C-alpha atoms as a PDB file:
ATOM      1  CA  UNK A   1     111.186  96.304  36.623  1.00  0.00           C
ATOM      2  CA  UNK A   2     112.618  99.794  36.881  1.00  0.00           C
ATOM      3  CA  UNK A   3     112.511 101.735  40.152  1.00  0.00           C
ATOM      4  CA  UNK A   4     111.571 105.386  39.773  1.00  0.00           C
ATOM      5  CA  UNK A   5     114.375 106.382  42.121  1.00  0.00           C
ATOM      6  CA  UNK A   6     116.912 104.707  39.794  1.00  0.00           C
ATOM      7  CA  UNK A   7     116.029 106.871  36.795  1.00  0.00           C
ATOM      8  CA  UNK A   8     118.380 109.638  37.814  1.00  0.00           C
ATOM      9  CA  UNK A   9     118.302 113.311  36.823  1.00  0.00           C
ATOM     10  CA  UNK A  10     115.128 115.189  37.600  1.00  0.00           C
ATOM     11  CA  UNK A  11     113.647 118.403  36.304  1.00  0.00           C
ATOM     12  CA  UNK A  12     111.317 120.002  38.864  1.00  0.00           C
ATOM     13  CA  UNK A  13     110.754 116.655  40.564  1.00  0.00           C
ATOM     14  CA  UNK A  14     110.067 114.748  37.339  1.00  0.00           C
ATOM     15  CA  UNK A  15     112.639 112.492  35.788  1.00  0.00           C
ATOM     16  CA  UNK A  16     113.739 113.510  32.302  1.00  0.00           C
ATOM     17  CA  UNK A  17     114.750 109.923  31.679  1.00  0.00           C
ATOM     18  CA  UNK A  18     111.269 108.741  32.675  1.00  0.00           C
ATOM     19  CA  UNK A  19     109.546 110.910  30.070  1.00  0.00           C
ATOM     20  CA  UNK A  20     112.038 109.848  27.419  1.00  0.00           C
ATOM     21  CA  UNK A  21     111.441 106.168  28.200  1.00  0.00           C
ATOM     22  CA  UNK A  22     107.655 106.591  28.158  1.00  0.00           C
ATOM     23  CA  UNK A  23     107.819 108.447  24.831  1.00  0.00           C
ATOM     24  CA  UNK A  24     110.036 105.694  23.399  1.00  0.00           C
ATOM     25  CA  UNK A  25     107.584 102.993  24.531  1.00  0.00           C
ATOM     26  CA  UNK A  26     110.081 101.455  26.961  1.00  0.00           C
ATOM     27  CA  UNK A  27     107.734 102.048  29.913  1.00  0.00           C
ATOM     28  CA  UNK A  28     104.028 101.267  29.605  1.00  0.00           C
ATOM     29  CA  UNK A  29     102.838 100.417  33.131  1.00  0.00           C
ATOM     30  CA  UNK A  30     103.524 101.656  36.650  1.00  0.00           C
ATOM     31  CA  UNK A  31     103.367  99.773  39.910  1.00  0.00           C
ATOM     32  CA  UNK A  32     103.589 100.016  43.669  1.00  0.00           C
ATOM     33  CA  UNK A  33     106.389  97.808  44.952  1.00  0.00           C
ATOM     34  CA  UNK A  34     104.966  97.607  48.492  1.00  0.00           C
ATOM     35  CA  UNK A  35     101.393  96.757  47.491  1.00  0.00           C
ATOM     36  CA  UNK A  36     102.427  94.645  44.459  1.00  0.00           C
ATOM     37  CA  UNK A  37      99.863  96.388  42.211  1.00  0.00           C
ATOM     38  CA  UNK A  38     100.439  97.544  38.622  1.00  0.00           C
ATOM     39  CA  UNK A  39      98.334  99.754  36.388  1.00  0.00           C
ATOM     40  CA  UNK A  40      98.166 102.284  33.594  1.00  0.00           C
ATOM     41  CA  UNK A  41     100.472 105.306  33.704  1.00  0.00           C
ATOM     42  CA  UNK A  42      97.470 107.657  33.654  1.00  0.00           C
ATOM     43  CA  UNK A  43      95.811 106.069  36.720  1.00  0.00           C
ATOM     44  CA  UNK A  44      95.005 108.638  39.435  1.00  0.00           C
ATOM     45  CA  UNK A  45      95.905 106.117  42.151  1.00  0.00           C
ATOM     46  CA  UNK A  46      99.321 105.523  40.646  1.00  0.00           C
ATOM     47  CA  UNK A  47     100.057 109.217  40.339  1.00  0.00           C
ATOM     48  CA  UNK A  48      99.517 109.671  44.094  1.00  0.00           C
ATOM     49  CA  UNK A  49     101.948 107.009  45.265  1.00  0.00           C
ATOM     50  CA  UNK A  50     105.294 107.835  46.813  1.00  0.00           C
ATOM     51  CA  UNK A  51     108.237 107.883  44.415  1.00  0.00           C
ATOM     52  CA  UNK A  52     110.072 105.471  46.734  1.00  0.00           C
ATOM     53  CA  UNK A  53     107.341 102.854  46.121  1.00  0.00           C
ATOM     54  CA  UNK A  54     106.966 103.452  42.365  1.00  0.00           C
ATOM     55  CA  UNK A  55     108.264 101.009  39.773  1.00  0.00           C
ATOM     56  CA  UNK A  56     107.751 100.747  36.025  1.00  0.00           C
ATOM     57  CA  UNK A  57     107.249  97.877  33.610  1.00  0.00           C
ATOM     58  CA  UNK A  58     107.593  97.460  29.866  1.00  0.00           C
ATOM     59  CA  UNK A  59     104.632  95.066  29.714  1.00  0.00           C
ATOM     60  CA  UNK A  60     101.851  93.483  31.719  1.00  0.00           C
ATOM     61  CA  UNK A  61     103.635  90.156  31.412  1.00  0.00           C
ATOM     62  CA  UNK A  62     106.689  91.599  33.136  1.00  0.00           C
ATOM     63  CA  UNK A  63     104.536  92.913  35.990  1.00  0.00           C
ATOM     64  CA  UNK A  64     102.752  89.585  36.431  1.00  0.00           C
ATOM     65  CA  UNK A  65     106.069  87.674  36.392  1.00  0.00           C
ATOM     66  CA  UNK A  66     107.275  90.001  39.164  1.00  0.00           C
ATOM     67  CA  UNK A  67     104.248  88.999  41.269  1.00  0.00           C
ATOM     68  CA  UNK A  68     102.124  92.129  40.784  1.00  0.00           C
ATOM     69  CA  UNK A  69      98.328  92.154  40.337  1.00  0.00           C
ATOM     70  CA  UNK A  70      96.226  94.517  38.173  1.00  0.00           C
ATOM     71  CA  UNK A  71      94.891  97.759  39.639  1.00  0.00           C
ATOM     72  CA  UNK A  72      91.214  97.621  40.579  1.00  0.00           C
ATOM     73  CA  UNK A  73      90.698 101.225  39.529  1.00  0.00           C
ATOM     74  CA  UNK A  74      92.231 101.622  36.071  1.00  0.00           C
ATOM     75  CA  UNK A  75      92.230  97.955  34.996  1.00  0.00           C
ATOM     76  CA  UNK A  76      88.871  96.758  36.336  1.00  0.00           C
ATOM     77  CA  UNK A  77      88.342  93.896  33.895  1.00  0.00           C
ATOM     78  CA  UNK A  78      91.844  92.502  34.390  1.00  0.00           C
ATOM     79  CA  UNK A  79      91.469  92.899  38.154  1.00  0.00           C
ATOM     80  CA  UNK A  80      88.145  91.000  38.138  1.00  0.00           C
ATOM     81  CA  UNK A  81      89.717  88.142  36.140  1.00  0.00           C
ATOM     82  CA  UNK A  82      92.667  88.068  38.570  1.00  0.00           C
ATOM     83  CA  UNK A  83      90.312  88.049  41.567  1.00  0.00           C
ATOM     84  CA  UNK A  84      88.166  85.209  40.175  1.00  0.00           C
ATOM     85  CA  UNK A  85      91.285  83.135  39.520  1.00  0.00           C
ATOM     86  CA  UNK A  86      92.205  83.124  43.215  1.00  0.00           C
END
């Protein structure tokens, strides 16, 4: 899990290191540390969250191991499976 705030240098509010890591395939999912939800990087809900709450994951497995659940908006099928498993 990588906190957005730990990525360092920013260019107009966006981390240069973040874009480099996404382009390199090192970051594939985003999450909200307070709500314990993870989802796709393109999710509108994820884009609106506060930077202080934003974390990133290499894989879904990493997010699940950290105790996060799938987003109900951008990962509906995964969310439904998670919900039924409760």
